[in-house]
């Protein structure tokens, strides 16, 4: 029987969390992603601390590899969904900033009056 591994516990927690994030990204539930990303980031930070201190047996290494492949695949798909959205958001922000500058320069609400 394999011993309890804190490292494996975190990998086993991160995989379904990442899958949940992917489902939310696919469904365009943007507001629900940040708390999950924060939770995932905390787990990854903890893994960075403990993983060098713990040795895994052969079966744990194999399972860790499976989980990492799954996590990385989910992350790649999340990235492919989010990047176009982030680019569009950037364009919108730039457009709004330009509009605000024009209003301030040439008049309008809170701008100079000629």
Protein backbone atom coordinates (compact mmCIF):
# COMPACT_ATOMS: atom_id res chain seq x y z
CA UNK A 1 0.00 0.00 0.00
CA UNK A 2 1.41 3.37 -1.00
CA UNK A 3 2.08 5.85 1.76
CA UNK A 4 0.18 9.08 1.95
CA UNK A 5 1.90 11.76 -0.07
CA UNK A 6 1.24 15.46 0.43
CA UNK A 7 2.68 16.10 -3.04
CA UNK A 8 0.29 13.66 -4.68
CA UNK A 9 -2.58 15.06 -2.65
CA UNK A 10 -1.97 18.47 -4.22
CA UNK A 11 -1.71 17.08 -7.75
CA UNK A 12 -4.94 15.14 -7.18
CA UNK A 13 -6.61 18.38 -6.05
CA UNK A 14 -5.22 20.57 -8.84
CA UNK A 15 -6.39 18.29 -11.67
CA UNK A 16 -10.15 18.53 -11.03
CA UNK A 17 -9.82 22.20 -10.11
CA UNK A 18 -8.19 22.88 -13.47
CA UNK A 19 -10.87 20.87 -15.22
CA UNK A 20 -13.52 22.97 -13.46
CA UNK A 21 -11.76 26.12 -14.65
CA UNK A 22 -11.84 24.76 -18.20
CA UNK A 23 -15.59 24.11 -18.00
CA UNK A 24 -16.13 27.66 -16.74
CA UNK A 25 -13.96 29.09 -19.52
CA UNK A 26 -15.83 27.10 -22.16
CA UNK A 27 -19.12 28.42 -20.74
CA UNK A 28 -17.73 31.98 -20.61
CA UNK A 29 -18.25 32.28 -16.85
CA UNK A 30 -15.33 34.69 -16.48
CA UNK A 31 -16.27 35.97 -13.04
CA UNK A 32 -16.00 32.53 -11.50
CA UNK A 33 -12.44 31.91 -12.70
CA UNK A 34 -10.36 34.28 -10.50
CA UNK A 35 -11.09 32.60 -7.15
CA UNK A 36 -10.32 29.19 -8.63
CA UNK A 37 -7.13 30.49 -10.22
CA UNK A 38 -6.11 31.91 -6.85
CA UNK A 39 -6.80 28.58 -5.18
CA UNK A 40 -4.81 26.75 -7.86
CA UNK A 41 -1.94 29.20 -7.56
CA UNK A 42 -1.80 28.66 -3.78
CA UNK A 43 -1.63 24.90 -4.31
CA UNK A 44 1.14 25.25 -6.89
CA UNK A 45 3.09 27.53 -4.53
CA UNK A 46 2.77 24.91 -1.80
CA UNK A 47 3.90 22.18 -4.21
CA UNK A 48 7.00 24.22 -5.03
CA UNK A 49 7.85 24.21 -1.32
CA UNK A 50 7.22 20.56 -0.52
CA UNK A 51 7.97 18.67 -3.71
CA UNK A 52 11.77 18.89 -3.41
CA UNK A 53 11.48 17.45 0.11
CA UNK A 54 9.43 14.39 -0.77
CA UNK A 55 10.38 11.29 -2.73
CA UNK A 56 7.71 9.58 -4.78
CA UNK A 57 7.62 5.89 -5.55
CA UNK A 58 7.40 4.62 -9.12
CA UNK A 59 3.60 4.42 -9.20
CA UNK A 60 3.30 7.91 -7.74
CA UNK A 61 5.67 9.29 -10.36
CA UNK A 62 3.59 7.63 -13.09
CA UNK A 63 0.36 9.05 -11.64
CA UNK A 64 1.94 12.48 -11.25
CA UNK A 65 2.91 12.38 -14.94
CA UNK A 66 -0.66 11.46 -15.93
CA UNK A 67 -2.04 14.31 -13.85
CA UNK A 68 0.47 16.78 -15.26
CA UNK A 69 -0.43 15.82 -18.83
CA UNK A 70 -4.12 16.31 -17.99
CA UNK A 71 -3.51 19.61 -16.15
CA UNK A 72 -1.33 20.97 -18.95
CA UNK A 73 -3.93 20.01 -21.57
CA UNK A 74 -6.67 21.78 -19.63
CA UNK A 75 -4.45 24.81 -19.10
CA UNK A 76 -3.63 24.99 -22.81
CA UNK A 77 -7.31 24.93 -23.72
CA UNK A 78 -8.13 27.55 -21.08
CA UNK A 79 -5.38 29.74 -22.53
CA UNK A 80 -6.73 29.30 -26.06
CA UNK A 81 -10.19 30.37 -24.86
CA UNK A 82 -9.01 33.29 -22.74
CA UNK A 83 -6.46 34.91 -25.04
CA UNK A 84 -8.96 36.10 -27.69
CA UNK A 85 -11.16 37.44 -24.88
CA UNK A 86 -8.22 39.28 -23.32
CA UNK A 87 -7.23 40.77 -26.69
CA UNK A 88 -10.81 41.97 -27.20
CA UNK A 89 -10.88 43.43 -23.70
CA UNK A 90 -7.60 45.25 -24.42
CA UNK A 91 -9.06 46.73 -27.61
CA UNK A 92 -12.17 47.85 -25.73
CA UNK A 93 -10.12 49.49 -22.99
CA UNK A 94 -7.95 51.25 -25.56
CA UNK A 95 -11.04 52.48 -27.42
CA UNK A 96 -12.63 53.75 -24.22
CA UNK A 97 -9.42 55.53 -23.25
CA UNK A 98 -9.29 57.18 -26.69
CA UNK A 99 -12.92 58.26 -26.37
CA UNK A 100 -12.25 59.67 -22.94
CA UNK A 101 -9.25 61.61 -24.23
CA UNK A 102 -11.29 62.99 -27.14
CA UNK A 103 -14.10 64.05 -24.82
CA UNK A 104 -11.65 65.72 -22.49
CA UNK A 105 -9.84 67.46 -25.36
CA UNK A 106 -12.78 68.52 -27.54
CA UNK A 107 -15.63 68.79 -25.12
CA UNK A 108 -18.44 66.83 -23.74
CA UNK A 109 -19.15 65.63 -20.24
CA UNK A 110 -16.41 66.98 -17.98
CA UNK A 111 -14.46 68.30 -21.00
CA UNK A 112 -13.64 71.82 -22.13
CA UNK A 113 -16.41 73.91 -23.59
CA UNK A 114 -15.55 76.00 -26.67
